[in-house]
């Protein structure tokens, strides 16, 4: 009986907090989902879900240790979000266009669209010509309901990088919002020409084809539709197995019965769920931490980041970006040790001003200190 009571308590456990930044209030909630062995942390603004982060947990945990895990993940997410919002204040007068863009990208991934858009526009005004900036700007405009301006942003980005698959996919999504199925399908196909395994474009193309036949817009797009949709959905499942849930199976059943309106409905639900799940971008997070808070990091802070990257490498051994990030972190750790060496030589010389060896070592450490500073700056630029 006691164990059942504990289980019920755990199952209903939520942890909540609020964040106030520049007069805007955000609401963070972390919830335990035992049936899926997930802890889901969600971010809300004005009653709307902005994004969520799913974290699996050890199924052997229960009771207070499990609740403590929920609170820890909640606090870690909250700290990262507050760090981004605080960086906006710090960067207000900064003229580093690339830094504004990277911050905008991080804010966009948390679906803070207005905040992200402000940073990206700032980077463009500072003279940065980057196709990715127009992808973020267009997606923010799209999320805020301005599809026409979004398309202009995507088209500007494509002028800078005509083969950029993400921008072709983005443009297709804008057309899809306006129910221009043929134009949307063409854009998704252009994205797939650049990357045939682009899962998001494959899913979007399936949605466009299902909507097209539902609205009876373009006959040519409807040819051999059942076979074409099945191939697209099967490839989607192979590339992203986690979509294999109730909605995906319902879409496949509807496809067998040629209920294309239901296929469209279910695929749109899957896309919405994927869009609101925040991706973890360790490279971006690492850049922002080292770029703006590198001097505040302790050895323990860097060791914790190294541990996170090491876990990511185990899951993605062929991911070169993570290996590169690990190298940057080791360079940052070297800086801490050189700083400690410099301070030790300095203290030695203060204790004995005539200690020539300490004087020599202090100069050498000072040179290395300056060198590692320039190395880290170059690694991050």
Protein backbone atom coordinates (compact mmCIF):
# COMPACT_ATOMS: atom_id res chain seq x y z
CA UNK A 1 0.00 0.00 0.00
CA UNK A 2 2.82 2.35 0.94
CA UNK A 3 4.62 1.70 -2.36
CA UNK A 4 1.42 2.41 -4.30
CA UNK A 5 1.04 5.72 -2.50
CA UNK A 6 4.64 6.65 -3.32
CA UNK A 7 4.10 5.70 -6.97
CA UNK A 8 0.99 7.86 -7.20
CA UNK A 9 2.88 10.79 -5.67
CA UNK A 10 5.74 10.36 -8.12
CA UNK A 11 3.41 10.03 -11.09
CA UNK A 12 1.75 13.35 -10.35
CA UNK A 13 4.94 15.24 -9.57
CA UNK A 14 5.48 18.64 -11.23
CA UNK A 15 8.01 21.33 -10.48
CA UNK A 16 7.29 24.92 -11.56
CA UNK A 17 8.94 28.33 -11.58
CA UNK A 18 8.69 31.72 -13.26
CA UNK A 19 11.31 33.85 -15.01
CA UNK A 20 10.96 37.61 -15.38
CA UNK A 21 13.16 39.27 -18.02
CA UNK A 22 12.83 42.86 -19.29
CA UNK A 23 9.21 42.97 -18.17
CA UNK A 24 8.32 39.66 -19.85
CA UNK A 25 7.24 36.71 -17.73
CA UNK A 26 7.98 33.10 -18.70
CA UNK A 27 6.67 29.99 -16.98
CA UNK A 28 8.74 26.79 -16.70
CA UNK A 29 7.27 23.44 -15.69
CA UNK A 30 9.03 20.07 -15.36
CA UNK A 31 6.77 17.01 -15.23
CA UNK A 32 7.38 13.34 -14.61
CA UNK A 33 5.94 10.97 -17.25
CA UNK A 34 6.54 7.47 -15.78
CA UNK A 35 4.79 5.62 -18.63
CA UNK A 36 7.47 6.90 -21.04
CA UNK A 37 10.28 7.18 -18.47
CA UNK A 38 10.62 10.84 -19.39
CA UNK A 39 10.98 14.11 -17.55
CA UNK A 40 9.43 16.81 -19.74
CA UNK A 41 10.43 20.43 -19.15
CA UNK A 42 8.12 22.91 -20.88
CA UNK A 43 8.41 26.65 -21.44
CA UNK A 44 5.26 28.80 -21.60
CA UNK A 45 4.56 32.45 -22.38
CA UNK A 46 1.11 34.06 -22.12
CA UNK A 47 -0.51 30.64 -21.78
CA UNK A 48 1.12 29.23 -24.92
CA UNK A 49 3.59 26.36 -25.06
CA UNK A 50 6.80 27.60 -26.66
CA UNK A 51 9.01 24.56 -26.40
CA UNK A 52 9.69 21.44 -24.42
CA UNK A 53 12.71 19.31 -23.62
CA UNK A 54 12.44 15.55 -23.08
CA UNK A 55 14.95 13.84 -20.78
CA UNK A 56 14.91 10.06 -20.20
CA UNK A 57 15.60 8.90 -16.65
CA UNK A 58 16.84 5.76 -14.92
CA UNK A 59 13.83 3.45 -14.47
CA UNK A 60 15.22 2.19 -11.17
CA UNK A 61 14.75 5.62 -9.58
CA UNK A 62 11.67 6.25 -7.44
CA UNK A 63 10.46 8.44 -4.59
CA UNK A 64 12.56 11.40 -3.49
CA UNK A 65 15.63 10.57 -5.65
CA UNK A 66 13.40 10.72 -8.73
CA UNK A 67 11.77 13.96 -7.62
CA UNK A 68 15.24 15.38 -6.99
CA UNK A 69 16.16 14.47 -10.58
CA UNK A 70 13.11 16.38 -11.84
CA UNK A 71 14.14 19.44 -9.83
CA UNK A 72 17.76 19.20 -11.01
CA UNK A 73 16.78 19.04 -14.69
CA UNK A 74 14.33 21.89 -14.13
CA UNK A 75 17.01 24.05 -12.51
CA UNK A 76 19.54 23.26 -15.27
CA UNK A 77 17.06 24.23 -17.99
CA UNK A 78 16.03 27.38 -16.12
CA UNK A 79 19.69 28.39 -15.66
CA UNK A 80 20.42 27.96 -19.38
CA UNK A 81 17.36 30.00 -20.33
CA UNK A 82 18.16 32.77 -17.86
CA UNK A 83 21.72 32.80 -19.18
CA UNK A 84 20.43 33.45 -22.73
CA UNK A 85 18.11 36.21 -21.56
CA UNK A 86 20.88 37.83 -19.52
CA UNK A 87 23.20 37.70 -22.53
CA UNK A 88 20.71 39.86 -24.42
CA UNK A 89 21.25 42.60 -21.85
CA UNK A 90 25.02 42.17 -21.96
CA UNK A 91 25.12 42.35 -25.77
CA UNK A 92 22.92 45.42 -26.20
CA UNK A 93 25.85 47.67 -27.10
CA UNK A 94 28.11 44.97 -28.55
CA UNK A 95 28.99 45.34 -32.24
CA UNK A 96 30.02 41.71 -32.81
CA UNK A 97 27.51 40.74 -35.52
CA UNK A 98 28.34 37.04 -35.35
CA UNK A 99 27.73 36.98 -31.61
CA UNK A 100 24.28 38.55 -32.07
CA UNK A 101 23.47 35.93 -34.71
CA UNK A 102 24.55 33.01 -32.51
CA UNK A 103 22.51 34.38 -29.61
CA UNK A 104 19.55 34.81 -31.96
CA UNK A 105 19.95 31.20 -33.07
CA UNK A 106 19.96 30.00 -29.46
CA UNK A 107 16.85 32.05 -28.63
CA UNK A 108 15.11 30.76 -31.76
CA UNK A 109 15.75 27.17 -30.73
CA UNK A 110 13.92 27.96 -27.49
CA UNK A 111 11.10 29.41 -29.65
CA UNK A 112 11.57 32.89 -28.21
CA UNK A 113 10.76 34.33 -31.61
CA UNK A 114 10.57 38.07 -30.92
CA UNK A 115 13.78 38.00 -28.90
CA UNK A 116 15.55 35.90 -31.55
CA UNK A 117 14.37 38.15 -34.37
CA UNK A 118 15.72 41.25 -32.61
CA UNK A 119 19.19 39.68 -32.33
CA UNK A 120 19.24 38.50 -35.94
CA UNK A 121 18.12 41.89 -37.27
CA UNK A 122 20.86 43.48 -35.17
CA UNK A 123 23.45 41.16 -36.78
CA UNK A 124 22.21 42.05 -40.27
CA UNK A 125 22.30 45.79 -39.50
CA UNK A 126 25.88 45.33 -38.31
CA UNK A 127 26.72 44.13 -41.82
CA UNK A 128 26.62 40.35 -41.53
CA UNK A 129 25.64 38.70 -44.82
CA UNK A 130 24.73 35.18 -43.71
CA UNK A 131 22.11 32.93 -45.30
CA UNK A 132 21.44 31.29 -41.94
CA UNK A 133 20.45 34.65 -40.49
CA UNK A 134 17.66 34.95 -43.05
CA UNK A 135 16.53 31.40 -42.28
CA UNK A 136 16.11 32.28 -38.59
CA UNK A 137 14.53 35.66 -39.39
CA UNK A 138 12.04 34.09 -41.80
CA UNK A 139 11.10 31.33 -39.38
CA UNK A 140 10.50 33.88 -36.62
CA UNK A 141 8.27 35.91 -38.94
CA UNK A 142 6.47 32.72 -39.97
CA UNK A 143 5.84 31.75 -36.34
CA UNK A 144 4.52 35.25 -35.64
CA UNK A 145 2.05 34.99 -38.53
CA UNK A 146 3.68 37.06 -41.29
CA UNK A 147 4.11 34.50 -44.09
CA UNK A 148 4.73 37.02 -46.88
CA UNK A 149 7.59 38.76 -45.07
CA UNK A 150 8.93 35.35 -44.09
CA UNK A 151 9.08 34.33 -47.76
CA UNK A 152 10.98 37.49 -48.63
CA UNK A 153 13.51 36.68 -45.91
CA UNK A 154 13.93 33.11 -47.22
CA UNK A 155 14.33 34.37 -50.78
CA UNK A 156 17.01 36.85 -49.65
CA UNK A 157 18.83 33.98 -47.97
CA UNK A 158 18.64 31.91 -51.14
CA UNK A 159 20.19 34.79 -53.09
CA UNK A 160 23.19 34.44 -50.77
CA UNK A 161 23.24 30.61 -50.84
CA UNK A 162 21.13 29.13 -53.69
CA UNK A 163 21.86 25.53 -52.69
CA UNK A 164 21.04 25.93 -48.97
CA UNK A 165 18.64 23.02 -48.30
CA UNK A 166 17.25 24.52 -45.07
CA UNK A 167 16.13 27.66 -46.86
CA UNK A 168 14.36 25.71 -49.61
CA UNK A 169 12.61 23.73 -46.87
CA UNK A 170 11.77 26.96 -45.02
CA UNK A 171 10.32 28.51 -48.18
CA UNK A 172 8.21 25.41 -48.69
CA UNK A 173 6.81 25.69 -45.18
CA UNK A 174 5.84 29.32 -45.89
CA UNK A 175 4.04 28.26 -49.08
CA UNK A 176 2.34 25.46 -47.16
CA UNK A 177 1.07 27.95 -44.56
CA UNK A 178 -0.62 29.79 -47.41
CA UNK A 179 -1.94 26.49 -48.86
CA UNK A 180 0.11 26.87 -52.04
CA UNK A 181 0.68 23.15 -52.35
CA UNK A 182 2.44 23.03 -55.70
CA UNK A 183 4.94 25.76 -54.76
CA UNK A 184 5.47 24.09 -51.38
CA UNK A 185 6.12 20.67 -52.95
CA UNK A 186 8.57 22.23 -55.42
CA UNK A 187 10.54 23.86 -52.58
CA UNK A 188 10.68 20.64 -50.55
CA UNK A 189 11.89 18.75 -53.62
CA UNK A 190 14.63 21.39 -54.11
CA UNK A 191 15.70 20.82 -50.51
CA UNK A 192 15.83 17.06 -51.12
CA UNK A 193 17.95 17.58 -54.23
CA UNK A 194 20.61 18.99 -51.90
CA UNK A 195 20.08 16.38 -49.20
CA UNK A 196 18.03 13.31 -50.10
CA UNK A 197 17.92 12.21 -46.43
CA UNK A 198 16.56 15.53 -45.12
CA UNK A 199 13.89 14.13 -42.78
CA UNK A 200 12.07 17.41 -42.17
CA UNK A 201 11.73 18.08 -45.91
CA UNK A 202 10.49 14.51 -46.47
CA UNK A 203 7.79 14.95 -43.83
CA UNK A 204 6.84 18.38 -45.17
CA UNK A 205 6.58 17.02 -48.71
CA UNK A 206 4.23 14.27 -47.50
CA UNK A 207 2.09 16.92 -45.75
CA UNK A 208 2.00 19.08 -48.90
CA UNK A 209 0.93 16.13 -51.07
CA UNK A 210 -1.82 15.10 -48.62
CA UNK A 211 -3.11 18.68 -48.38
CA UNK A 212 -3.02 19.09 -52.16
CA UNK A 213 -5.39 16.20 -52.80
CA UNK A 214 -7.60 17.26 -49.88
CA UNK A 215 -7.96 20.75 -51.40
CA UNK A 216 -8.07 19.32 -54.95
CA UNK A 217 -5.51 21.83 -56.19
CA UNK A 218 -3.04 20.20 -58.60
CA UNK A 219 -3.83 17.01 -60.49
CA UNK A 220 -0.22 16.17 -61.38
CA UNK A 221 0.78 16.12 -57.71
CA UNK A 222 -1.96 13.56 -57.05
CA UNK A 223 -0.69 10.93 -59.45
CA UNK A 224 0.28 7.61 -57.86
CA UNK A 225 -0.18 9.40 -54.54
CA UNK A 226 -0.73 6.41 -52.28
CA UNK A 227 2.53 4.73 -53.36
CA UNK A 228 4.47 7.98 -53.20
CA UNK A 229 3.22 8.88 -49.74
CA UNK A 230 3.95 5.40 -48.41
CA UNK A 231 7.53 5.65 -49.65
CA UNK A 232 7.95 9.08 -48.04
CA UNK A 233 6.51 7.95 -44.72
CA UNK A 234 8.56 4.76 -44.60
CA UNK A 235 11.75 6.74 -45.22
CA UNK A 236 10.69 9.23 -42.54
CA UNK A 237 10.35 6.38 -40.06
CA UNK A 238 13.77 4.99 -40.98
CA UNK A 239 15.41 8.38 -40.50
CA UNK A 240 13.51 9.29 -37.30
CA UNK A 241 12.28 6.13 -35.53
CA UNK A 242 10.87 8.14 -32.60
CA UNK A 243 7.91 9.26 -34.74
CA UNK A 244 6.58 5.68 -34.61
CA UNK A 245 3.66 6.39 -32.33
CA UNK A 246 -0.11 6.49 -32.34
CA UNK A 247 -0.34 9.39 -34.80
CA UNK A 248 2.09 7.85 -37.29
CA UNK A 249 0.31 4.49 -37.23
CA UNK A 250 -3.03 6.28 -37.66
CA UNK A 251 -1.60 8.11 -40.69
CA UNK A 252 -0.48 4.82 -42.27
CA UNK A 253 -3.90 3.26 -41.63
CA UNK A 254 -5.61 6.31 -43.15
CA UNK A 255 -3.30 6.05 -46.15
CA UNK A 256 -4.36 2.43 -46.73
CA UNK A 257 -7.97 3.63 -46.77
CA UNK A 258 -7.08 6.65 -48.94
CA UNK A 259 -8.32 8.99 -46.21
CA UNK A 260 -5.89 11.70 -47.26
CA UNK A 261 -7.55 14.36 -45.11
CA UNK A 262 -6.80 12.22 -42.05
CA UNK A 263 -3.26 11.57 -43.29
CA UNK A 264 -2.77 15.34 -43.46
CA UNK A 265 -4.20 15.84 -39.97
CA UNK A 266 -2.00 13.18 -38.36
CA UNK A 267 1.18 14.24 -40.12
CA UNK A 268 0.57 17.86 -39.13
CA UNK A 269 0.25 16.75 -35.50
CA UNK A 270 3.55 14.87 -35.75
CA UNK A 271 5.25 17.93 -37.25
CA UNK A 272 3.87 20.19 -34.52
CA UNK A 273 5.17 17.83 -31.83
CA UNK A 274 8.61 17.71 -33.45
CA UNK A 275 8.72 21.49 -33.85
CA UNK A 276 7.97 22.14 -30.17
CA UNK A 277 10.64 19.74 -28.92
CA UNK A 278 13.76 21.79 -28.28
CA UNK A 279 16.91 20.31 -29.82
CA UNK A 280 20.04 20.19 -27.68
CA UNK A 281 22.78 22.14 -29.44
CA UNK A 282 25.91 21.66 -27.37
CA UNK A 283 28.10 23.47 -29.92
CA UNK A 284 25.97 26.61 -29.76
CA UNK A 285 25.70 26.47 -25.98
CA UNK A 286 29.45 26.00 -25.66
CA UNK A 287 30.15 28.94 -27.97
CA UNK A 288 27.97 31.29 -25.92
CA UNK A 289 29.40 30.10 -22.59
CA UNK A 290 33.05 30.44 -23.62
CA UNK A 291 32.54 33.61 -25.65
CA UNK A 292 30.80 35.58 -22.92
CA UNK A 293 31.39 33.74 -19.65
CA UNK A 294 34.75 32.05 -20.19
CA UNK A 295 36.44 34.09 -17.45
CA UNK A 296 33.74 33.07 -14.97
CA UNK A 297 34.16 29.32 -15.51
CA UNK A 298 35.81 27.18 -12.86
CA UNK A 299 37.71 23.97 -13.48
CA UNK A 300 34.65 22.07 -12.20
CA UNK A 301 32.40 23.91 -14.68
CA UNK A 302 34.64 22.89 -17.59
CA UNK A 303 34.86 19.30 -16.33
CA UNK A 304 31.04 19.17 -16.27
CA UNK A 305 30.92 20.41 -19.89
CA UNK A 306 33.59 17.87 -20.90
CA UNK A 307 31.48 15.13 -19.31
CA UNK A 308 28.41 16.23 -21.29
CA UNK A 309 30.39 16.21 -24.53
CA UNK A 310 31.91 12.82 -23.73
CA UNK A 311 28.42 11.35 -23.29
CA UNK A 312 27.36 12.95 -26.59
CA UNK A 313 30.40 11.46 -28.35
CA UNK A 314 29.50 7.97 -27.09
CA UNK A 315 26.09 8.35 -28.74
CA UNK A 316 27.48 10.02 -31.89
CA UNK A 317 31.05 8.72 -32.39
CA UNK A 318 31.23 9.98 -35.97
CA UNK A 319 30.07 13.52 -35.18
CA UNK A 320 33.12 15.67 -35.95
CA UNK A 321 31.59 18.85 -34.47
CA UNK A 322 31.46 17.33 -30.98
CA UNK A 323 35.09 16.20 -31.23
CA UNK A 324 36.02 19.74 -32.25
CA UNK A 325 34.06 21.18 -29.33
CA UNK A 326 35.90 18.85 -26.96
CA UNK A 327 39.19 20.26 -28.24
CA UNK A 328 37.97 23.80 -27.56
CA UNK A 329 37.05 22.82 -24.01
CA UNK A 330 40.46 21.31 -23.35
CA UNK A 331 42.01 24.57 -24.58
CA UNK A 332 39.76 26.45 -22.13
CA UNK A 333 40.90 24.13 -19.34
CA UNK A 334 44.53 24.84 -20.29
CA UNK A 335 43.81 28.54 -19.84
CA UNK A 336 42.65 27.92 -16.27
CA UNK A 337 45.86 26.02 -15.44
CA UNK A 338 48.04 28.69 -17.06
CA UNK A 339 46.20 31.35 -15.05
CA UNK A 340 46.85 29.32 -11.87
CA UNK A 341 50.53 28.92 -12.79
CA UNK A 342 50.83 32.66 -13.44
CA UNK A 343 49.24 33.46 -10.07
CA UNK A 344 51.55 31.00 -8.28
CA UNK A 345 54.70 32.52 -9.83
CA UNK A 346 53.41 35.98 -8.98
CA UNK A 347 52.78 34.97 -5.35
CA UNK A 348 56.26 33.44 -5.18
CA UNK A 349 57.81 36.68 -6.39
CA UNK A 350 55.79 38.72 -3.91
CA UNK A 351 57.07 36.47 -1.14
CA UNK A 352 60.66 36.77 -2.34
CA UNK A 353 61.16 39.73 -4.75
CA UNK A 354 64.75 38.62 -5.49
CA UNK A 355 63.74 35.11 -6.60
CA UNK A 356 65.03 35.25 -10.20
CA UNK A 357 63.65 31.86 -11.23
CA UNK A 358 60.12 32.91 -10.21
CA UNK A 359 60.61 36.18 -12.11
CA UNK A 360 61.60 34.29 -15.26
CA UNK A 361 58.72 31.82 -14.89
CA UNK A 362 56.24 34.65 -14.38
CA UNK A 363 57.29 36.21 -17.70
CA UNK A 364 57.06 32.87 -19.48
CA UNK A 365 53.62 32.16 -18.00
CA UNK A 366 52.52 35.67 -18.97
CA UNK A 367 53.48 34.98 -22.58
CA UNK A 368 51.61 31.68 -22.55
CA UNK A 369 48.65 33.37 -20.88
CA UNK A 370 48.44 35.90 -23.70
CA UNK A 371 48.87 33.15 -26.29
CA UNK A 372 46.09 30.95 -24.90
CA UNK A 373 43.81 34.01 -24.81
CA UNK A 374 44.37 34.60 -28.53
CA UNK A 375 44.02 30.87 -29.25
CA UNK A 376 40.62 30.68 -27.55
CA UNK A 377 39.44 33.83 -29.32
CA UNK A 378 40.51 32.37 -32.68
CA UNK A 379 38.86 29.03 -31.91
CA UNK A 380 35.55 30.75 -31.17
CA UNK A 381 35.55 33.24 -34.08
